[in-house]
C-alpha atoms as a PDB file:
ATOM      1  CA  MET A   1     -17.341 -89.023  62.571  1.00  0.00           C
ATOM      2  CA  SER A   2     -15.598 -91.739  60.567  1.00  0.00           C
ATOM      3  CA  PHE A   3     -12.046 -92.845  61.122  1.00  0.00           C
ATOM      4  CA  ARG A   4      -9.843 -93.808  58.216  1.00  0.00           C
ATOM      5  CA  LEU A   5      -7.429 -96.539  59.206  1.00  0.00           C
ATOM      6  CA  TYR A   6      -5.827 -96.679  55.766  1.00  0.00           C
ATOM      7  CA  THR A   7      -4.648 -94.098  53.318  1.00  0.00           C
ATOM      8  CA  ASN A   8      -5.339 -93.629  49.648  1.00  0.00           C
ATOM      9  CA  ALA A   9      -1.927 -95.192  48.920  1.00  0.00           C
ATOM     10  CA  VAL A  10      -3.035 -98.481  50.483  1.00  0.00           C
ATOM     11  CA  SER A  11      -6.165 -98.426  48.344  1.00  0.00           C
ATOM     12  CA  ARG A  12      -4.150 -97.775  45.184  1.00  0.00           C
ATOM     13  CA  ALA A  13      -1.676-100.529  46.058  1.00  0.00           C
ATOM     14  CA  SER A  14      -4.508-102.994  46.651  1.00  0.00           C
ATOM     15  CA  ARG A  15      -6.171-102.019  43.369  1.00  0.00           C
ATOM     16  CA  THR A  16      -2.862-102.387  41.477  1.00  0.00           C
ATOM     17  CA  PHE A  17      -2.217-105.772  43.068  1.00  0.00           C
ATOM     18  CA  ALA A  18      -5.729-106.966  42.175  1.00  0.00           C
ATOM     19  CA  ALA A  19      -5.333-105.761  38.572  1.00  0.00           C
ATOM     20  CA  GLY A  20      -1.955-107.494  38.242  1.00  0.00           C
ATOM     21  CA  THR A  21      -3.348-110.725  39.666  1.00  0.00           C
ATOM     22  CA  PHE A  22      -6.296-110.539  37.262  1.00  0.00           C
ATOM     23  CA  VAL A  23      -4.015-110.085  34.238  1.00  0.00           C
ATOM     24  CA  ILE A  24      -1.749-112.959  35.339  1.00  0.00           C
ATOM     25  CA  GLY A  25      -4.808-115.183  35.804  1.00  0.00           C
ATOM     26  CA  LEU A  26      -6.042-114.392  32.305  1.00  0.00           C
ATOM     27  CA  LEU A  27      -2.590-115.080  30.856  1.00  0.00           C
ATOM     28  CA  LEU A  28      -2.430-118.444  32.623  1.00  0.00           C
ATOM     29  CA  ILE A  29      -5.854-119.392  31.306  1.00  0.00           C
ATOM     30  CA  GLY A  30      -4.743-118.394  27.790  1.00  0.00           C
ATOM     31  CA  PHE A  31      -1.517-120.376  27.993  1.00  0.00           C
ATOM     32  CA  GLY A  32      -3.445-123.393  29.287  1.00  0.00           C
ATOM     33  CA  THR A  33      -5.843-123.185  26.372  1.00  0.00           C
ATOM     34  CA  ILE A  34      -3.019-122.891  23.848  1.00  0.00           C
ATOM     35  CA  ILE A  35      -1.215-125.878  25.380  1.00  0.00           C
ATOM     36  CA  LEU A  36      -4.390-127.937  25.166  1.00  0.00           C
ATOM     37  CA  ALA A  37      -4.897-126.935  21.534  1.00  0.00           C
ATOM     38  CA  LEU A  38      -1.305-127.362  20.330  1.00  0.00           C
ATOM     39  CA  PRO A  39       0.499-129.898  22.550  1.00  0.00           C
ATOM     40  CA  GLU A  40       3.040-131.017  19.932  1.00  0.00           C
ATOM     41  CA  ILE A  41       4.453-127.513  19.449  1.00  0.00           C
ATOM     42  CA  PHE A  42       4.902-127.002  23.178  1.00  0.00           C
ATOM     43  CA  ALA A  43       6.460-130.432  23.592  1.00  0.00           C
ATOM     44  CA  PHE A  44       8.969-129.491  20.891  1.00  0.00           C
ATOM     45  CA  LEU A  45       9.677-126.140  22.600  1.00  0.00           C
ATOM     46  CA  ALA A  46      10.163-127.823  25.971  1.00  0.00           C
ATOM     47  CA  ALA A  47      12.528-130.365  24.411  1.00  0.00           C
ATOM     48  CA  ALA A  48      14.493-127.531  22.784  1.00  0.00           C
ATOM     49  CA  VAL A  49      14.786-125.688  26.094  1.00  0.00           C
ATOM     50  CA  PHE A  50      16.063-128.827  27.854  1.00  0.00           C
ATOM     51  CA  PHE A  51      18.498-129.532  25.003  1.00  0.00           C
ATOM     52  CA  ILE A  52      19.936-126.007  25.126  1.00  0.00           C
ATOM     53  CA  ALA A  53      20.152-126.118  28.922  1.00  0.00           C
ATOM     54  CA  GLY A  54      21.965-129.458  28.699  1.00  0.00           C
ATOM     55  CA  ILE A  55      24.494-128.048  26.232  1.00  0.00           C
ATOM     56  CA  GLY A  56      25.062-125.064  28.519  1.00  0.00           C
ATOM     57  CA  CYS A  57      25.633-127.304  31.548  1.00  0.00           C
ATOM     58  CA  THR A  58      28.015-129.517  29.599  1.00  0.00           C
ATOM     59  CA  ILE A  59      30.066-126.560  28.372  1.00  0.00           C
ATOM     60  CA  THR A  60      30.241-125.119  31.906  1.00  0.00           C
ATOM     61  CA  ALA A  61      31.346-128.475  33.330  1.00  0.00           C
ATOM     62  CA  VAL A  62      34.087-128.826  30.695  1.00  0.00           C
ATOM     63  CA  LYS A  63      35.336-125.307  31.488  1.00  0.00           C
ATOM     64  CA  ILE A  64      35.457-126.142  35.200  1.00  0.00           C
ATOM     65  CA  PHE A  65      37.328-129.417  34.550  1.00  0.00           C
ATOM     66  CA  LEU A  66      39.870-127.624  32.351  1.00  0.00           C
ATOM     67  CA  ALA A  67      40.371-124.869  34.931  1.00  0.00           C
ATOM     68  CA  LEU A  68      40.879-127.465  37.686  1.00  0.00           C
ATOM     69  CA  ARG A  69      43.314-129.384  35.512  1.00  0.00           C
ATOM     70  CA  LYS A  70      45.316-126.211  34.904  1.00  0.00           C
ATOM     71  CA  PHE A  71      45.181-125.314  38.605  1.00  0.00           C
ATOM     72  CA  ASN A  72      46.332-128.780  39.698  1.00  0.00           C
ATOM     73  CA  LYS A  73      49.108-128.742  37.109  1.00  0.00           C
ATOM     74  CA  THR A  74      50.496-125.442  38.407  1.00  0.00           C
ATOM     75  CA  ALA A  75      50.095-126.620  42.016  1.00  0.00           C
ATOM     76  CA  SER A  76      51.987-129.858  41.347  1.00  0.00           C
ATOM     77  CA  ASP A  77      54.872-127.976  39.641  1.00  0.00           C
ATOM     78  CA  ASP A  78      55.530-126.139  42.892  1.00  0.00           C
ATOM     79  CA  SER A  79      56.747-129.141  44.870  1.00  0.00           C
ATOM     80  CA  GLN A  80      57.605-127.238  48.064  1.00  0.00           C
ATOM     81  CA  ASP A  81      55.188-127.978  50.856  1.00  0.00           C
ATOM     82  CA  CYS A  82      56.519-125.237  53.094  1.00  0.00           C
ATOM     83  CA  ARG A  83      57.905-121.755  52.718  1.00  0.00           C
ATOM     84  CA  VAL A  84      61.542-120.940  53.141  1.00  0.00           C
ATOM     85  CA  ASN A  85      62.523-118.508  55.924  1.00  0.00           C
ATOM     86  CA  VAL A  86      59.191-118.675  57.741  1.00  0.00           C
ATOM     87  CA  ARG A  87      59.282-118.929  61.513  1.00  0.00           C
ATOM     88  CA  ILE A  88      56.373-119.550  63.800  1.00  0.00           C
ATOM     89  CA  HIS A  89      56.498-117.624  67.039  1.00  0.00           C
ATOM     90  CA  THR A  90      54.589-118.832  70.068  1.00  0.00           C
ATOM     91  CA  ASP A  91      54.452-117.151  73.420  1.00  0.00           C
ATOM     92  CA  GLU A  92      55.456-119.511  76.163  1.00  0.00           C
ATOM     93  CA  GLN A  93      53.708-118.782  79.419  1.00  0.00           C
END
């Protein structure tokens, strides 16, 4: 009598994982070959990606600076450091 310690689902999951890993490995080998064959094109693409990412970071930073400037301007217009008619109650023991 044989005992099965795993189900058919485990076998299918293992087979799917192995197939996915095989496909990813083949894709990586293909990309490596293309990069070796055409390095100038990929250098240009990498430079373009960094350039676009730099523009995006710069725009985000400018938006944050402008929002902080607007926030500080509205905070400085309200010159009261405390609220009127606010009382703090403490229990004396």
